[in-house]
Amino acid sequence: MELGKYFEKSELIPVIAQDADTGLVLMLGYANEDALRLTLESGTAWFWSRSRSELWNKGATSGNYLHVERVLCDCDDDAILLMCRPDGPTCHTGETSCFFRELPLVH
């Protein structure tokens, strides 16, 4: 499969991981073409670590893999949504989702 069209605007694209059962947004990461290819081939979520400048398979260290059920792209082909079944907490803090802190709205 030719993946180049997803990286015409940028070498990294945002990737949202969502729980396939609950709909909970688990995390936001970034993928380069290699990470997207590895995700499609392996069935687990791969990302590009911007801080470490390396590929990483989510769960390789913690055991909390994200098993990918579906891969969706947005209408502009510049963002990816992974529908996943997580093995455990997604966040490195131990939280189910990386989105657990709420900012107060100021009206």
PDB file of N, CA and C in Angstrom:
ATOM      1  N   MET A   1       0.844  -1.188   0.000  1.00  0.00           N
ATOM      2  CA  MET A   1       0.000   0.000   0.000  1.00  0.00           C
ATOM      3  C   MET A   1       0.883   1.242   0.000  1.00  0.00           C
ATOM      4  N   GLU A   2       0.574   2.164  -0.863  1.00  0.00           N
ATOM      5  CA  GLU A   2       1.315   3.418  -0.945  1.00  0.00           C
ATOM      6  C   GLU A   2       0.795   4.384   0.122  1.00  0.00           C
ATOM      7  N   LEU A   3       1.673   4.782   1.019  1.00  0.00           N
ATOM      8  CA  LEU A   3       1.272   5.649   2.132  1.00  0.00           C
ATOM      9  C   LEU A   3       1.732   7.092   1.957  1.00  0.00           C
ATOM     10  N   GLY A   4       2.445   7.379   0.900  1.00  0.00           N
ATOM     11  CA  GLY A   4       3.033   8.700   0.706  1.00  0.00           C
ATOM     12  C   GLY A   4       2.050   9.846   0.750  1.00  0.00           C
ATOM     13  N   LYS A   5       0.816   9.632   0.278  1.00  0.00           N
ATOM     14  CA  LYS A   5      -0.142  10.745   0.242  1.00  0.00           C
ATOM     15  C   LYS A   5      -0.464  11.294   1.632  1.00  0.00           C
ATOM     16  N   TYR A   6      -0.297  10.462   2.662  1.00  0.00           N
ATOM     17  CA  TYR A   6      -0.590  10.913   4.028  1.00  0.00           C
ATOM     18  C   TYR A   6       0.508  11.819   4.577  1.00  0.00           C
ATOM     19  N   PHE A   7       1.654  11.855   3.894  1.00  0.00           N
ATOM     20  CA  PHE A   7       2.804  12.606   4.395  1.00  0.00           C
ATOM     21  C   PHE A   7       3.251  13.686   3.419  1.00  0.00           C
ATOM     22  N   GLU A   8       2.352  14.122   2.550  1.00  0.00           N
ATOM     23  CA  GLU A   8       2.688  15.181   1.597  1.00  0.00           C
ATOM     24  C   GLU A   8       2.808  16.540   2.274  1.00  0.00           C
ATOM     25  N   LYS A   9       2.032  16.782   3.323  1.00  0.00           N
ATOM     26  CA  LYS A   9       2.050  18.075   4.005  1.00  0.00           C
ATOM     27  C   LYS A   9       3.107  18.137   5.110  1.00  0.00           C
ATOM     28  N   SER A  10       3.424  16.974   5.682  1.00  0.00           N
ATOM     29  CA  SER A  10       4.361  16.919   6.796  1.00  0.00           C
ATOM     30  C   SER A  10       4.895  15.498   6.921  1.00  0.00           C
ATOM     31  N   GLU A  11       6.105  15.368   7.423  1.00  0.00           N
ATOM     32  CA  GLU A  11       6.650  14.019   7.601  1.00  0.00           C
ATOM     33  C   GLU A  11       6.066  13.320   8.826  1.00  0.00           C
ATOM     34  N   LEU A  12       5.403  14.075   9.702  1.00  0.00           N
ATOM     35  CA  LEU A  12       4.706  13.501  10.852  1.00  0.00           C
ATOM     36  C   LEU A  12       3.239  13.893  10.784  1.00  0.00           C
ATOM     37  N   ILE A  13       2.365  12.939  11.084  1.00  0.00           N
ATOM     38  CA  ILE A  13       0.932  13.229  11.141  1.00  0.00           C
ATOM     39  C   ILE A  13       0.395  12.831  12.503  1.00  0.00           C
ATOM     40  N   PRO A  14      -0.626  13.553  12.988  1.00  0.00           N
ATOM     41  CA  PRO A  14      -1.226  13.199  14.274  1.00  0.00           C
ATOM     42  C   PRO A  14      -2.006  11.890  14.166  1.00  0.00           C
ATOM     43  N   VAL A  15      -1.896  11.099  15.221  1.00  0.00           N
ATOM     44  CA  VAL A  15      -2.594   9.820  15.301  1.00  0.00           C
ATOM     45  C   VAL A  15      -3.338   9.779  16.637  1.00  0.00           C
ATOM     46  N   ILE A  16      -4.646   9.643  16.569  1.00  0.00           N
ATOM     47  CA  ILE A  16      -5.478   9.539  17.757  1.00  0.00           C
ATOM     48  C   ILE A  16      -5.788   8.066  17.982  1.00  0.00           C
ATOM     49  N   ALA A  17      -5.581   7.586  19.190  1.00  0.00           N
ATOM     50  CA  ALA A  17      -5.955   6.219  19.554  1.00  0.00           C
ATOM     51  C   ALA A  17      -7.217   6.291  20.404  1.00  0.00           C
ATOM     52  N   GLN A  18      -8.221   5.542  19.997  1.00  0.00           N
ATOM     53  CA  GLN A  18      -9.522   5.541  20.663  1.00  0.00           C
ATOM     54  C   GLN A  18      -9.892   4.101  21.005  1.00  0.00           C
ATOM     55  N   ASP A  19     -10.502   3.897  22.165  1.00  0.00           N
ATOM     56  CA  ASP A  19     -10.950   2.569  22.573  1.00  0.00           C
ATOM     57  C   ASP A  19     -12.092   2.124  21.668  1.00  0.00           C
ATOM     58  N   ALA A  20     -11.936   0.999  21.012  1.00  0.00           N
ATOM     59  CA  ALA A  20     -12.940   0.499  20.071  1.00  0.00           C
ATOM     60  C   ALA A  20     -14.249   0.135  20.758  1.00  0.00           C
ATOM     61  N   ASP A  21     -14.201  -0.197  22.042  1.00  0.00           N
ATOM     62  CA  ASP A  21     -15.417  -0.595  22.765  1.00  0.00           C
ATOM     63  C   ASP A  21     -16.138   0.582  23.402  1.00  0.00           C
ATOM     64  N   THR A  22     -15.378   1.466  24.061  1.00  0.00           N
ATOM     65  CA  THR A  22     -16.006   2.539  24.845  1.00  0.00           C
ATOM     66  C   THR A  22     -16.059   3.878  24.119  1.00  0.00           C
ATOM     67  N   GLY A  23     -15.210   4.062  23.111  1.00  0.00           N
ATOM     68  CA  GLY A  23     -15.129   5.350  22.432  1.00  0.00           C
ATOM     69  C   GLY A  23     -14.223   6.350  23.139  1.00  0.00           C
ATOM     70  N   LEU A  24     -13.670   5.983  24.287  1.00  0.00           N
ATOM     71  CA  LEU A  24     -12.788   6.873  25.029  1.00  0.00           C
ATOM     72  C   LEU A  24     -11.533   7.171  24.213  1.00  0.00           C
ATOM     73  N   VAL A  25     -11.176   8.446  24.116  1.00  0.00           N
ATOM     74  CA  VAL A  25      -9.923   8.820  23.471  1.00  0.00           C
ATOM     75  C   VAL A  25      -8.789   8.453  24.425  1.00  0.00           C
ATOM     76  N   LEU A  26      -7.878   7.628  23.959  1.00  0.00           N
ATOM     77  CA  LEU A  26      -6.812   7.117  24.805  1.00  0.00           C
ATOM     78  C   LEU A  26      -5.557   7.981  24.765  1.00  0.00           C
ATOM     79  N   MET A  27      -5.164   8.405  23.588  1.00  0.00           N
ATOM     80  CA  MET A  27      -3.934   9.182  23.468  1.00  0.00           C
ATOM     81  C   MET A  27      -3.850   9.842  22.104  1.00  0.00           C
ATOM     82  N   LEU A  28      -2.942  10.790  22.008  1.00  0.00           N
ATOM     83  CA  LEU A  28      -2.561  11.414  20.750  1.00  0.00           C
ATOM     84  C   LEU A  28      -1.069  11.205  20.591  1.00  0.00           C
ATOM     85  N   GLY A  29      -0.666  10.710  19.443  1.00  0.00           N
ATOM     86  CA  GLY A  29       0.744  10.554  19.127  1.00  0.00           C
ATOM     87  C   GLY A  29       0.976  11.020  17.708  1.00  0.00           C
ATOM     88  N   TYR A  30       2.172  10.789  17.220  1.00  0.00           N
ATOM     89  CA  TYR A  30       2.526  11.175  15.855  1.00  0.00           C
ATOM     90  C   TYR A  30       3.153   9.984  15.153  1.00  0.00           C
ATOM     91  N   ALA A  31       2.908   9.887  13.863  1.00  0.00           N
ATOM     92  CA  ALA A  31       3.480   8.804  13.077  1.00  0.00           C
ATOM     93  C   ALA A  31       4.189   9.360  11.859  1.00  0.00           C
ATOM     94  N   ASN A  32       5.309   8.741  11.527  1.00  0.00           N
ATOM     95  CA  ASN A  32       5.911   8.962  10.225  1.00  0.00           C
ATOM     96  C   ASN A  32       5.454   7.792   9.349  1.00  0.00           C
ATOM     97  N   GLU A  33       5.931   7.741   8.123  1.00  0.00           N
ATOM     98  CA  GLU A  33       5.475   6.694   7.211  1.00  0.00           C
ATOM     99  C   GLU A  33       5.835   5.298   7.716  1.00  0.00           C
ATOM    100  N   ASP A  34       7.009   5.156   8.310  1.00  0.00           N
ATOM    101  CA  ASP A  34       7.411   3.853   8.848  1.00  0.00           C
ATOM    102  C   ASP A  34       6.494   3.409   9.983  1.00  0.00           C
ATOM    103  N   ALA A  35       6.137   4.322  10.881  1.00  0.00           N
ATOM    104  CA  ALA A  35       5.260   3.978  12.001  1.00  0.00           C
ATOM    105  C   ALA A  35       3.882   3.551  11.501  1.00  0.00           C
ATOM    106  N   LEU A  36       3.353   4.259  10.515  1.00  0.00           N
ATOM    107  CA  LEU A  36       2.047   3.891   9.980  1.00  0.00           C
ATOM    108  C   LEU A  36       2.117   2.523   9.304  1.00  0.00           C
ATOM    109  N   ARG A  37       3.164   2.279   8.538  1.00  0.00           N
ATOM    110  CA  ARG A  37       3.323   0.980   7.885  1.00  0.00           C
ATOM    111  C   ARG A  37       3.414  -0.154   8.922  1.00  0.00           C
ATOM    112  N   LEU A  38       4.215   0.057   9.971  1.00  0.00           N
ATOM    113  CA  LEU A  38       4.348  -0.960  11.023  1.00  0.00           C
ATOM    114  C   LEU A  38       3.025  -1.216  11.732  1.00  0.00           C
ATOM    115  N   THR A  39       2.249  -0.172  11.941  1.00  0.00           N
ATOM    116  CA  THR A  39       0.923  -0.335  12.557  1.00  0.00           C
ATOM    117  C   THR A  39       0.040  -1.208  11.680  1.00  0.00           C
ATOM    118  N   LEU A  40       0.010  -0.917  10.393  1.00  0.00           N
ATOM    119  CA  LEU A  40      -0.830  -1.683   9.469  1.00  0.00           C
ATOM    120  C   LEU A  40      -0.375  -3.132   9.351  1.00  0.00           C
ATOM    121  N   GLU A  41       0.929  -3.347   9.390  1.00  0.00           N
ATOM    122  CA  GLU A  41       1.467  -4.701   9.236  1.00  0.00           C
ATOM    123  C   GLU A  41       1.390  -5.528  10.513  1.00  0.00           C
ATOM    124  N   SER A  42       1.577  -4.889  11.675  1.00  0.00           N
ATOM    125  CA  SER A  42       1.669  -5.632  12.936  1.00  0.00           C
ATOM    126  C   SER A  42       0.345  -5.771  13.675  1.00  0.00           C
ATOM    127  N   GLY A  43      -0.570  -4.811  13.449  1.00  0.00           N
ATOM    128  CA  GLY A  43      -1.827  -4.824  14.191  1.00  0.00           C
ATOM    129  C   GLY A  43      -1.726  -4.215  15.578  1.00  0.00           C
ATOM    130  N   THR A  44      -0.562  -3.655  15.908  1.00  0.00           N
ATOM    131  CA  THR A  44      -0.421  -2.890  17.150  1.00  0.00           C
ATOM    132  C   THR A  44       0.030  -1.481  16.782  1.00  0.00           C
ATOM    133  N   ALA A  45      -0.204  -0.536  17.674  1.00  0.00           N
ATOM    134  CA  ALA A  45       0.059   0.874  17.388  1.00  0.00           C
ATOM    135  C   ALA A  45       1.544   1.201  17.499  1.00  0.00           C
ATOM    136  N   TRP A  46       2.061   1.799  16.438  1.00  0.00           N
ATOM    137  CA  TRP A  46       3.424   2.311  16.391  1.00  0.00           C
ATOM    138  C   TRP A  46       3.375   3.825  16.214  1.00  0.00           C
ATOM    139  N   PHE A  47       4.342   4.508  16.811  1.00  0.00           N
ATOM    140  CA  PHE A  47       4.414   5.958  16.745  1.00  0.00           C
ATOM    141  C   PHE A  47       5.855   6.392  16.516  1.00  0.00           C
ATOM    142  N   TRP A  48       6.019   7.673  16.196  1.00  0.00           N
ATOM    143  CA  TRP A  48       7.335   8.287  16.153  1.00  0.00           C
ATOM    144  C   TRP A  48       7.459   9.150  17.394  1.00  0.00           C
ATOM    145  N   SER A  49       8.454   8.863  18.205  1.00  0.00           N
ATOM    146  CA  SER A  49       8.694   9.666  19.408  1.00  0.00           C
ATOM    147  C   SER A  49       9.440  10.932  19.018  1.00  0.00           C
ATOM    148  N   ARG A  50       8.782  12.063  19.183  1.00  0.00           N
ATOM    149  CA  ARG A  50       9.422  13.339  18.857  1.00  0.00           C
ATOM    150  C   ARG A  50      10.517  13.680  19.862  1.00  0.00           C
ATOM    151  N   SER A  51      10.380  13.250  21.102  1.00  0.00           N
ATOM    152  CA  SER A  51      11.385  13.576  22.119  1.00  0.00           C
ATOM    153  C   SER A  51      12.623  12.688  21.996  1.00  0.00           C
ATOM    154  N   ARG A  52      12.442  11.433  21.597  1.00  0.00           N
ATOM    155  CA  ARG A  52      13.577  10.508  21.479  1.00  0.00           C
ATOM    156  C   ARG A  52      14.044  10.327  20.034  1.00  0.00           C
ATOM    157  N   SER A  53      13.282  10.861  19.088  1.00  0.00           N
ATOM    158  CA  SER A  53      13.586  10.725  17.655  1.00  0.00           C
ATOM    159  C   SER A  53      13.770   9.256  17.258  1.00  0.00           C
ATOM    160  N   GLU A  54      12.761   8.451  17.636  1.00  0.00           N
ATOM    161  CA  GLU A  54      12.819   7.030  17.275  1.00  0.00           C
ATOM    162  C   GLU A  54      11.413   6.440  17.199  1.00  0.00           C
ATOM    163  N   LEU A  55      11.302   5.338  16.472  1.00  0.00           N
ATOM    164  CA  LEU A  55      10.043   4.595  16.415  1.00  0.00           C
ATOM    165  C   LEU A  55       9.795   3.922  17.745  1.00  0.00           C
ATOM    166  N   TRP A  56       8.531   3.828  18.136  1.00  0.00           N
ATOM    167  CA  TRP A  56       8.202   3.052  19.331  1.00  0.00           C
ATOM    168  C   TRP A  56       6.868   2.356  19.166  1.00  0.00           C
ATOM    169  N   ASN A  57       6.841   1.132  19.632  1.00  0.00           N
ATOM    170  CA  ASN A  57       5.636   0.309  19.627  1.00  0.00           C
ATOM    171  C   ASN A  57       4.984   0.479  20.994  1.00  0.00           C
ATOM    172  N   LYS A  58       3.825   1.123  21.021  1.00  0.00           N
ATOM    173  CA  LYS A  58       3.147   1.392  22.293  1.00  0.00           C
ATOM    174  C   LYS A  58       2.895   0.070  23.016  1.00  0.00           C
ATOM    175  N   GLY A  59       3.438  -0.061  24.197  1.00  0.00           N
ATOM    176  CA  GLY A  59       3.278  -1.261  25.003  1.00  0.00           C
ATOM    177  C   GLY A  59       4.508  -2.145  25.048  1.00  0.00           C
ATOM    178  N   ALA A  60       5.502  -1.883  24.218  1.00  0.00           N
ATOM    179  CA  ALA A  60       6.696  -2.730  24.192  1.00  0.00           C
ATOM    180  C   ALA A  60       7.408  -2.750  25.544  1.00  0.00           C
ATOM    181  N   THR A  61       7.378  -1.641  26.268  1.00  0.00           N
ATOM    182  CA  THR A  61       8.011  -1.580  27.584  1.00  0.00           C
ATOM    183  C   THR A  61       7.034  -1.953  28.698  1.00  0.00           C
ATOM    184  N   SER A  62       5.828  -1.426  28.643  1.00  0.00           N
ATOM    185  CA  SER A  62       4.849  -1.611  29.724  1.00  0.00           C
ATOM    186  C   SER A  62       4.037  -2.893  29.603  1.00  0.00           C
ATOM    187  N   GLY A  63       3.938  -3.430  28.395  1.00  0.00           N
ATOM    188  CA  GLY A  63       3.048  -4.568  28.164  1.00  0.00           C
ATOM    189  C   GLY A  63       1.628  -4.152  27.830  1.00  0.00           C
ATOM    190  N   ASN A  64       1.360  -2.850  27.871  1.00  0.00           N
ATOM    191  CA  ASN A  64       0.022  -2.332  27.597  1.00  0.00           C
ATOM    192  C   ASN A  64      -0.099  -1.943  26.121  1.00  0.00           C
ATOM    193  N   TYR A  65      -0.127  -2.959  25.271  1.00  0.00           N
ATOM    194  CA  TYR A  65      -0.219  -2.716  23.822  1.00  0.00           C
ATOM    195  C   TYR A  65      -1.586  -2.174  23.442  1.00  0.00           C
ATOM    196  N   LEU A  66      -1.617  -1.479  22.332  1.00  0.00           N
ATOM    197  CA  LEU A  66      -2.863  -1.051  21.709  1.00  0.00           C
ATOM    198  C   LEU A  66      -3.054  -1.921  20.464  1.00  0.00           C
ATOM    199  N   HIS A  67      -4.003  -2.844  20.523  1.00  0.00           N
ATOM    200  CA  HIS A  67      -4.295  -3.737  19.401  1.00  0.00           C
ATOM    201  C   HIS A  67      -5.276  -3.025  18.479  1.00  0.00           C
ATOM    202  N   VAL A  68      -4.852  -2.803  17.257  1.00  0.00           N
ATOM    203  CA  VAL A  68      -5.605  -1.974  16.322  1.00  0.00           C
ATOM    204  C   VAL A  68      -6.658  -2.806  15.598  1.00  0.00           C
ATOM    205  N   GLU A  69      -7.907  -2.361  15.711  1.00  0.00           N
ATOM    206  CA  GLU A  69      -9.035  -3.014  15.045  1.00  0.00           C
ATOM    207  C   GLU A  69      -9.350  -2.370  13.697  1.00  0.00           C
ATOM    208  N   ARG A  70      -9.245  -1.050  13.656  1.00  0.00           N
ATOM    209  CA  ARG A  70      -9.544  -0.289  12.434  1.00  0.00           C
ATOM    210  C   ARG A  70      -8.613   0.907  12.360  1.00  0.00           C
ATOM    211  N   VAL A  71      -8.304   1.314  11.133  1.00  0.00           N
ATOM    212  CA  VAL A  71      -7.504   2.510  10.904  1.00  0.00           C
ATOM    213  C   VAL A  71      -8.308   3.411   9.972  1.00  0.00           C
ATOM    214  N   LEU A  72      -8.609   4.604  10.452  1.00  0.00           N
ATOM    215  CA  LEU A  72      -9.393   5.568   9.678  1.00  0.00           C
ATOM    216  C   LEU A  72      -8.546   6.805   9.419  1.00  0.00           C
ATOM    217  N   CYS A  73      -8.730   7.411   8.258  1.00  0.00           N
ATOM    218  CA  CYS A  73      -8.050   8.675   7.973  1.00  0.00           C
ATOM    219  C   CYS A  73      -9.101   9.762   7.823  1.00  0.00           C
ATOM    220  N   ASP A  74      -8.688  10.987   8.086  1.00  0.00           N
ATOM    221  CA  ASP A  74      -9.636  12.094   7.978  1.00  0.00           C
ATOM    222  C   ASP A  74      -9.815  12.491   6.512  1.00  0.00           C
ATOM    223  N   CYS A  75     -10.715  13.428   6.281  1.00  0.00           N
ATOM    224  CA  CYS A  75     -11.097  13.827   4.918  1.00  0.00           C
ATOM    225  C   CYS A  75      -9.962  14.469   4.138  1.00  0.00           C
ATOM    226  N   ASP A  76      -8.962  14.993   4.823  1.00  0.00           N
ATOM    227  CA  ASP A  76      -7.828  15.634   4.153  1.00  0.00           C
ATOM    228  C   ASP A  76      -6.613  14.714   4.052  1.00  0.00           C
ATOM    229  N   ASP A  77      -6.742  13.472   4.524  1.00  0.00           N
ATOM    230  CA  ASP A  77      -5.640  12.500   4.519  1.00  0.00           C
ATOM    231  C   ASP A  77      -4.412  13.000   5.273  1.00  0.00           C
ATOM    232  N   ASP A  78      -4.639  13.745   6.367  1.00  0.00           N
ATOM    233  CA  ASP A  78      -3.489  14.218   7.129  1.00  0.00           C
ATOM    234  C   ASP A  78      -3.601  13.967   8.628  1.00  0.00           C
ATOM    235  N   ALA A  79      -4.495  13.073   9.012  1.00  0.00           N
ATOM    236  CA  ALA A  79      -4.611  12.643  10.400  1.00  0.00           C
ATOM    237  C   ALA A  79      -5.193  11.229  10.402  1.00  0.00           C
ATOM    238  N   ILE A  80      -4.816  10.450  11.409  1.00  0.00           N
ATOM    239  CA  ILE A  80      -5.218   9.049  11.504  1.00  0.00           C
ATOM    240  C   ILE A  80      -5.931   8.803  12.827  1.00  0.00           C
ATOM    241  N   LEU A  81      -6.966   7.965  12.775  1.00  0.00           N
ATOM    242  CA  LEU A  81      -7.679   7.510  13.968  1.00  0.00           C
ATOM    243  C   LEU A  81      -7.522   6.002  14.055  1.00  0.00           C
ATOM    244  N   LEU A  82      -6.966   5.537  15.165  1.00  0.00           N
ATOM    245  CA  LEU A  82      -6.826   4.108  15.415  1.00  0.00           C
ATOM    246  C   LEU A  82      -7.904   3.666  16.398  1.00  0.00           C
ATOM    247  N   MET A  83      -8.727   2.729  15.986  1.00  0.00           N
ATOM    248  CA  MET A  83      -9.709   2.129  16.888  1.00  0.00           C
ATOM    249  C   MET A  83      -9.025   0.906  17.489  1.00  0.00           C
ATOM    250  N   CYS A  84      -8.822   0.933  18.811  1.00  0.00           N
ATOM    251  CA  CYS A  84      -7.948  -0.039  19.476  1.00  0.00           C
ATOM    252  C   CYS A  84      -8.646  -0.789  20.610  1.00  0.00           C
ATOM    253  N   ARG A  85      -8.037  -1.891  20.957  1.00  0.00           N
ATOM    254  CA  ARG A  85      -8.368  -2.620  22.177  1.00  0.00           C
ATOM    255  C   ARG A  85      -7.096  -2.617  23.033  1.00  0.00           C
ATOM    256  N   PRO A  86      -7.101  -1.827  24.109  1.00  0.00           N
ATOM    257  CA  PRO A  86      -5.900  -1.717  24.942  1.00  0.00           C
ATOM    258  C   PRO A  86      -5.743  -2.912  25.877  1.00  0.00           C
ATOM    259  N   ASP A  87      -4.490  -3.307  26.114  1.00  0.00           N
ATOM    260  CA  ASP A  87      -4.193  -4.378  27.069  1.00  0.00           C
ATOM    261  C   ASP A  87      -4.271  -3.905  28.514  1.00  0.00           C
ATOM    262  N   GLY A  88      -4.179  -2.613  28.725  1.00  0.00           N
ATOM    263  CA  GLY A  88      -4.187  -2.047  30.069  1.00  0.00           C
ATOM    264  C   GLY A  88      -4.227  -0.544  29.949  1.00  0.00           C
ATOM    265  N   PRO A  89      -3.801   0.168  30.985  1.00  0.00           N
ATOM    266  CA  PRO A  89      -3.793   1.631  30.925  1.00  0.00           C
ATOM    267  C   PRO A  89      -2.934   2.117  29.766  1.00  0.00           C
ATOM    268  N   THR A  90      -3.392   3.144  29.087  1.00  0.00           N
ATOM    269  CA  THR A  90      -2.638   3.690  27.959  1.00  0.00           C
ATOM    270  C   THR A  90      -1.600   4.699  28.425  1.00  0.00           C
ATOM    271  N   CYS A  91      -1.934   5.508  29.402  1.00  0.00           N
ATOM    272  CA  CYS A  91      -1.031   6.574  29.839  1.00  0.00           C
ATOM    273  C   CYS A  91       0.131   6.022  30.670  1.00  0.00           C
ATOM    274  N   HIS A  92       1.300   6.613  30.496  1.00  0.00           N
ATOM    275  CA  HIS A  92       2.472   6.197  31.270  1.00  0.00           C
ATOM    276  C   HIS A  92       2.294   6.463  32.766  1.00  0.00           C
ATOM    277  N   THR A  93       1.297   7.283  33.140  1.00  0.00           N
ATOM    278  CA  THR A  93       1.037   7.565  34.558  1.00  0.00           C
ATOM    279  C   THR A  93       0.220   6.462  35.219  1.00  0.00           C
ATOM    280  N   GLY A  94      -0.289   5.528  34.407  1.00  0.00           N
ATOM    281  CA  GLY A  94      -1.154   4.477  34.932  1.00  0.00           C
ATOM    282  C   GLY A  94      -2.629   4.762  34.720  1.00  0.00           C
ATOM    283  N   GLU A  95      -2.951   5.954  34.211  1.00  0.00           N
ATOM    284  CA  GLU A  95      -4.335   6.299  33.918  1.00  0.00           C
ATOM    285  C   GLU A  95      -4.797   5.562  32.656  1.00  0.00           C
ATOM    286  N   THR A  96      -6.093   5.306  32.581  1.00  0.00           N
ATOM    287  CA  THR A  96      -6.665   4.624  31.423  1.00  0.00           C
ATOM    288  C   THR A  96      -6.399   5.388  30.142  1.00  0.00           C
ATOM    289  N   SER A  97      -6.548   6.702  30.199  1.00  0.00           N
ATOM    290  CA  SER A  97      -6.360   7.587  29.052  1.00  0.00           C
ATOM    291  C   SER A  97      -5.347   8.664  29.416  1.00  0.00           C
ATOM    292  N   CYS A  98      -4.659   9.173  28.418  1.00  0.00           N
ATOM    293  CA  CYS A  98      -3.754  10.300  28.656  1.00  0.00           C
ATOM    294  C   CYS A  98      -4.524  11.587  28.919  1.00  0.00           C
ATOM    295  N   PHE A  99      -5.820  11.580  28.613  1.00  0.00           N
ATOM    296  CA  PHE A  99      -6.660  12.766  28.797  1.00  0.00           C
ATOM    297  C   PHE A  99      -7.472  12.629  30.076  1.00  0.00           C
ATOM    298  N   PHE A 100      -6.847  12.949  31.212  1.00  0.00           N
ATOM    299  CA  PHE A 100      -7.531  12.824  32.499  1.00  0.00           C
ATOM    300  C   PHE A 100      -7.498  14.108  33.317  1.00  0.00           C
ATOM    301  N   ARG A 101      -6.778  15.119  32.854  1.00  0.00           N
ATOM    302  CA  ARG A 101      -6.736  16.403  33.571  1.00  0.00           C
ATOM    303  C   ARG A 101      -7.630  17.402  32.867  1.00  0.00           C
ATOM    304  N   GLU A 102      -8.464  18.050  33.648  1.00  0.00           N
ATOM    305  CA  GLU A 102      -9.441  18.984  33.073  1.00  0.00           C
ATOM    306  C   GLU A 102      -9.034  20.416  33.373  1.00  0.00           C
ATOM    307  N   LEU A 103      -9.129  21.259  32.362  1.00  0.00           N
ATOM    308  CA  LEU A 103      -8.908  22.694  32.541  1.00  0.00           C
ATOM    309  C   LEU A 103     -10.255  23.373  32.773  1.00  0.00           C
ATOM    310  N   PRO A 104     -10.299  24.311  33.718  1.00  0.00           N
ATOM    311  CA  PRO A 104     -11.570  24.998  33.961  1.00  0.00           C
ATOM    312  C   PRO A 104     -11.899  25.964  32.832  1.00  0.00           C
ATOM    313  N   LEU A 105     -13.155  26.009  32.477  1.00  0.00           N
ATOM    314  CA  LEU A 105     -13.632  26.978  31.484  1.00  0.00           C
ATOM    315  C   LEU A 105     -13.785  28.337  32.153  1.00  0.00           C
ATOM    316  N   VAL A 106     -13.378  29.365  31.464  1.00  0.00           N
ATOM    317  CA  VAL A 106     -13.523  30.722  31.982  1.00  0.00           C
ATOM    318  C   VAL A 106     -14.494  31.438  31.049  1.00  0.00           C
ATOM    319  N   HIS A 107     -15.632  31.839  31.602  1.00  0.00           N
ATOM    320  CA  HIS A 107     -16.653  32.491  30.787  1.00  0.00           C
ATOM    321  C   HIS A 107     -16.637  33.973  31.014  1.00  0.00           C
TER     322      HIS A 107
END
